[in-house]
Protein backbone atom coordinates (compact mmCIF):
# COMPACT_ATOMS: atom_id res chain seq x y z
CA UNK A 1 53.02 -104.73 -37.41
CA UNK A 2 51.57 -101.21 -37.27
CA UNK A 3 48.71 -100.56 -39.69
CA UNK A 4 48.53 -97.26 -41.64
CA UNK A 5 45.08 -95.52 -41.87
CA UNK A 6 44.49 -94.03 -45.34
CA UNK A 7 43.47 -90.17 -45.32
CA UNK A 8 40.05 -89.07 -46.65
CA UNK A 9 39.67 -88.52 -50.26
CA UNK A 10 37.44 -85.65 -51.66
CA UNK A 11 35.66 -85.74 -54.82
CA UNK A 12 37.29 -83.70 -57.61
CA UNK A 13 35.41 -81.74 -60.25
CA UNK A 14 36.60 -80.22 -63.48
CA UNK A 15 35.60 -76.63 -64.07
CA UNK A 16 36.40 -74.37 -66.88
CA UNK A 17 39.12 -71.89 -66.37
CA UNK A 18 37.78 -68.20 -66.35
CA UNK A 19 40.18 -65.88 -64.75
CA UNK A 20 37.84 -62.62 -65.30
CA UNK A 21 34.70 -64.12 -63.75
CA UNK A 22 35.38 -62.90 -60.31
CA UNK A 23 36.01 -59.33 -61.49
CA UNK A 24 32.83 -59.44 -63.46
CA UNK A 25 30.86 -60.43 -60.46
CA UNK A 26 32.41 -57.66 -58.30
CA UNK A 27 31.78 -55.07 -61.09
CA UNK A 28 28.18 -56.23 -61.41
CA UNK A 29 27.54 -55.95 -57.68
CA UNK A 30 29.15 -52.53 -57.53
CA UNK A 31 27.05 -51.34 -60.57
CA UNK A 32 23.86 -52.71 -58.92
CA UNK A 33 24.63 -50.77 -55.64
CA UNK A 34 25.47 -47.57 -57.59
CA UNK A 35 22.17 -47.83 -59.55
CA UNK A 36 20.31 -48.36 -56.16
CA UNK A 37 21.96 -45.29 -54.71
CA UNK A 38 21.12 -43.19 -57.87
CA UNK A 39 17.59 -44.40 -57.83
CA UNK A 40 17.06 -43.61 -54.25
CA UNK A 41 18.49 -40.08 -54.72
CA UNK A 42 16.20 -39.29 -57.68
CA UNK A 43 13.14 -40.96 -55.84
CA UNK A 44 13.87 -38.82 -52.82
CA UNK A 45 14.25 -35.68 -54.90
CA UNK A 46 10.94 -36.51 -56.77
CA UNK A 47 9.22 -36.97 -53.47
CA UNK A 48 10.62 -33.75 -52.15
CA UNK A 49 9.73 -31.69 -55.13
CA UNK A 50 6.28 -33.24 -55.29
CA UNK A 51 5.53 -32.34 -51.61
CA UNK A 52 7.31 -28.97 -51.58
CA UNK A 53 4.02 -27.13 -52.22
CA UNK A 54 2.35 -28.82 -49.35
CA UNK A 55 5.25 -28.02 -47.05
CA UNK A 56 5.32 -24.37 -48.10
CA UNK A 57 1.53 -24.10 -47.59
CA UNK A 58 1.79 -25.63 -44.18
CA UNK A 59 4.73 -23.18 -43.29
CA UNK A 60 2.60 -20.23 -44.42
CA UNK A 61 -0.27 -21.51 -42.42
CA UNK A 62 1.79 -21.76 -39.24
CA UNK A 63 3.31 -18.40 -39.75
CA UNK A 64 -0.25 -16.90 -40.15
CA UNK A 65 -1.39 -18.60 -37.04
CA UNK A 66 1.66 -17.38 -35.19
CA UNK A 67 0.97 -13.75 -36.28
CA UNK A 68 -2.65 -14.05 -35.26
CA UNK A 69 -1.64 -15.43 -31.87
CA UNK A 70 0.75 -12.44 -31.41
CA UNK A 71 -2.07 -10.03 -32.18
CA UNK A 72 -4.37 -11.69 -29.69
CA UNK A 73 -1.72 -11.73 -27.04
CA UNK A 74 -1.10 -7.98 -27.51
CA UNK A 75 -4.84 -7.41 -27.38
CA UNK A 76 -5.07 -9.35 -24.08
CA UNK A 77 -2.05 -7.54 -22.65
CA UNK A 78 -3.61 -4.15 -23.51
CA UNK A 79 -6.96 -5.19 -21.97
CA UNK A 80 -5.14 -6.44 -18.85
CA UNK A 81 -3.30 -3.01 -18.60
CA UNK A 82 -6.53 -1.18 -18.97
CA UNK A 83 -8.23 -3.24 -16.23
CA UNK A 84 -5.22 -2.59 -13.93
CA UNK A 85 -5.35 1.06 -14.73
CA UNK A 86 -9.12 1.19 -14.11
CA UNK A 87 -8.68 -0.70 -10.82
CA UNK A 88 -5.96 1.69 -9.66
CA UNK A 89 -8.05 4.70 -10.64
CA UNK A 90 -11.05 3.26 -8.77
CA UNK A 91 -8.85 2.52 -5.68
CA UNK A 92 -7.45 5.99 -5.58
CA UNK A 93 -10.94 7.50 -6.22
CA UNK A 94 -12.28 5.47 -3.26
CA UNK A 95 -9.41 6.58 -1.07
CA UNK A 96 -9.98 10.24 -2.00
CA UNK A 97 -13.71 9.85 -1.42
CA UNK A 98 -13.08 8.28 1.97
CA UNK A 99 -10.61 10.99 2.85
CA UNK A 100 -13.08 13.65 1.90
CA UNK A 101 -15.83 11.99 3.98
CA UNK A 102 -13.55 11.91 6.97
CA UNK A 103 -12.64 15.60 6.50
CA UNK A 104 -16.32 16.38 6.00
CA UNK A 105 -17.26 14.55 9.17
CA UNK A 106 -14.47 16.19 11.08
CA UNK A 107 -15.61 19.58 9.80
CA UNK A 108 -19.28 18.96 10.65
CA UNK A 109 -18.19 17.91 14.15
CA UNK A 110 -16.23 21.16 14.53
CA UNK A 111 -19.12 23.16 13.25
CA UNK A 112 -21.48 21.48 15.64
CA UNK A 113 -19.01 22.17 18.46
CA UNK A 114 -18.71 25.81 17.51
CA UNK A 115 -22.54 26.00 17.16
CA UNK A 116 -23.04 24.62 20.63
CA UNK A 117 -20.39 26.93 21.90
CA UNK A 118 -22.07 30.07 20.43
CA UNK A 119 -25.41 28.79 21.43
CA UNK A 120 -24.24 28.55 25.04
CA UNK A 121 -23.16 32.17 24.78
CA UNK A 122 -26.58 33.27 23.61
CA UNK A 123 -28.58 30.85 25.65
CA UNK A 124 -26.57 29.93 28.75
CA UNK A 125 -27.61 26.93 30.83
CA UNK A 126 -29.37 27.68 34.17
CA UNK A 127 -26.81 28.64 36.73
CA UNK A 128 -24.21 29.78 34.18
CA UNK A 129 -23.40 33.39 34.83
CA UNK A 130 -20.35 35.57 34.85
CA UNK A 131 -17.05 33.88 33.86
CA UNK A 132 -17.52 30.31 32.77
CA UNK A 133 -14.65 27.81 32.15
CA UNK A 134 -15.62 25.00 29.64
CA UNK A 135 -14.21 21.63 30.05
CA UNK A 136 -10.95 21.14 28.00
CA UNK A 137 -11.26 18.99 24.75
CA UNK A 138 -8.36 16.54 24.21
CA UNK A 139 -8.04 14.53 21.03
CA UNK A 140 -5.67 11.84 19.75
CA UNK A 141 -3.30 12.64 16.89
CA UNK A 142 -1.44 10.35 14.49
CA UNK A 143 1.73 10.81 16.72
CA UNK A 144 2.04 8.67 19.77
CA UNK A 145 2.09 10.90 22.93
CA UNK A 146 0.86 14.01 21.16
CA UNK A 147 -2.64 15.30 21.73
CA UNK A 148 -4.66 18.28 20.42
CA UNK A 149 -6.19 20.43 23.14
CA UNK A 150 -8.81 23.18 23.02
CA UNK A 151 -10.36 25.13 25.96
CA UNK A 152 -12.41 28.24 26.23
CA UNK A 153 -13.22 30.84 28.95
CA UNK A 154 -16.33 32.89 28.27
CA UNK A 155 -18.39 35.60 29.80
CA UNK A 156 -22.02 34.91 30.25
CA UNK A 157 -23.79 38.13 31.14
CA UNK A 158 -26.60 40.35 29.99
CA UNK A 159 -24.25 43.19 29.18
CA UNK A 160 -20.75 42.16 28.08
CA UNK A 161 -17.75 44.25 29.10
CA UNK A 162 -14.10 43.82 28.44
CA UNK A 163 -12.47 41.56 30.95
CA UNK A 164 -8.88 40.61 31.54
CA UNK A 165 -6.86 38.19 33.76
CA UNK A 166 -4.91 35.02 33.27
CA UNK A 167 -5.21 31.28 33.24
CA UNK A 168 -2.93 28.54 34.60
CA UNK A 169 -3.12 24.98 33.16
CA UNK A 170 -1.70 21.99 35.10
CA UNK A 171 -1.69 18.38 33.97
CA UNK A 172 -1.60 16.00 37.00
CA UNK A 173 -0.31 12.50 36.50
CA UNK A 174 2.47 9.94 37.46
CA UNK A 175 5.70 8.91 36.04
CA UNK A 176 7.83 6.03 37.29
CA UNK A 177 5.51 5.67 40.29
CA UNK A 178 5.88 9.34 41.39
CA UNK A 179 3.38 12.07 41.27
CA UNK A 180 4.09 14.73 38.56
CA UNK A 181 2.61 18.05 37.76
CA UNK A 182 3.22 19.60 34.34
CA UNK A 183 2.50 23.14 33.26
CA UNK A 184 1.12 23.86 29.80
CA UNK A 185 4.38 25.61 28.75
CA UNK A 186 6.31 22.33 29.47
CA UNK A 187 4.25 20.30 27.08
CA UNK A 188 3.01 22.73 24.44
CA UNK A 189 5.00 24.78 21.92
CA UNK A 190 2.16 27.28 21.58
CA UNK A 191 2.66 28.58 25.20
CA UNK A 192 5.84 29.93 26.74
CA UNK A 193 4.60 31.24 30.08
CA UNK A 194 3.03 29.83 33.18
CA UNK A 195 0.27 32.31 33.13
CA UNK A 196 -1.66 32.63 29.79
CA UNK A 197 -3.08 36.16 29.43
CA UNK A 198 -6.86 36.54 29.06
CA UNK A 199 -8.46 39.46 27.50
CA UNK A 200 -11.88 39.21 25.83
CA UNK A 201 -15.40 40.52 25.74
CA UNK A 202 -17.27 37.40 24.81
CA UNK A 203 -14.88 34.49 24.97
CA UNK A 204 -11.27 33.45 24.50
CA UNK A 205 -10.20 30.08 23.13
CA UNK A 206 -6.85 28.35 23.65
CA UNK A 207 -5.78 25.68 21.17
CA UNK A 208 -2.71 23.78 20.32
CA UNK A 209 -0.85 20.45 20.70
CA UNK A 210 0.74 19.03 23.80
CA UNK A 211 3.51 16.45 23.86
CA UNK A 212 3.56 14.28 26.89
CA UNK A 213 6.86 12.83 28.29
CA UNK A 214 7.51 9.20 27.68
CA UNK A 215 6.21 7.08 30.51
CA UNK A 216 3.93 9.92 31.81
CA UNK A 217 0.31 8.75 32.70
CA UNK A 218 -2.10 11.62 32.78
CA UNK A 219 -4.90 11.66 35.34
CA UNK A 220 -6.73 15.11 35.45
CA UNK A 221 -6.42 18.65 34.33
CA UNK A 222 -6.48 21.64 36.74
CA UNK A 223 -7.44 25.09 35.46
CA UNK A 224 -6.95 28.24 37.61
CA UNK A 225 -8.61 31.28 36.10
CA UNK A 226 -8.02 34.63 37.83
CA UNK A 227 -9.99 37.58 36.33
CA UNK A 228 -8.53 41.00 37.46
CA UNK A 229 -10.72 43.56 35.59
CA UNK A 230 -13.31 44.87 35.91
CA UNK A 231 -13.73 42.77 39.01
CA UNK A 232 -11.59 40.13 40.71
CA UNK A 233 -12.77 36.71 40.20
CA UNK A 234 -10.87 33.34 40.90
CA UNK A 235 -12.07 30.10 39.42
CA UNK A 236 -10.60 26.68 40.19
CA UNK A 237 -11.72 23.70 37.87
CA UNK A 238 -10.72 20.15 37.83
CA UNK A 239 -11.41 17.81 34.97
CA UNK A 240 -10.74 14.20 34.38
CA UNK A 241 -8.39 13.12 31.55
CA UNK A 242 -10.90 12.20 28.80
CA UNK A 243 -9.57 11.72 25.25
CA UNK A 244 -11.65 11.81 22.09
CA UNK A 245 -10.69 9.50 19.32
């Protein structure tokens, strides 16, 4: 015969019947939460109002510091601009001084050259007599292939008379492995004829610039001077290609 197991029995308790108790509990909890929120709001407001003065003072202090920093930054910017301007003025002044020094040195060299030239007229070297052809002066320029030239023909005598004749200038060199001879009119805009007329009592100077053809290598200068009056004189001079820097 199958036995039947009895179910578990729980203890029973008798409580009073209060249908509104649950609503009172919910209301009490809600009221407590509301009071906590209101209390937090007023506490935060009181704290904010109590510290407002400190916050405003800190804000004013930061603003003042910011303004002072801007003023110092402007001063530093102005000082920097002044220093840059002074440096630029000094640089330009130094460049101008250097340029003036170079010009003065160049002028002094020219004056010394002129002084030596005139001294040679007044006090000729032993053996210098009659028509004398000085060595041509050739100087570099800032333009590649362009040179300044200067040459003089002078009369070294006790009594100077008017003389006349002509000069032929030839520049000997090589180009592309071949011998080349260039006349002065071919390389100088200041001369348009093969024979440069000479007419002077003391001296005559020829100056200008000569532009050499590309690839041309100069070697020497040949000067042919022919004096026709008052007496006939022929002078042939050869000079090496020497360039002054």
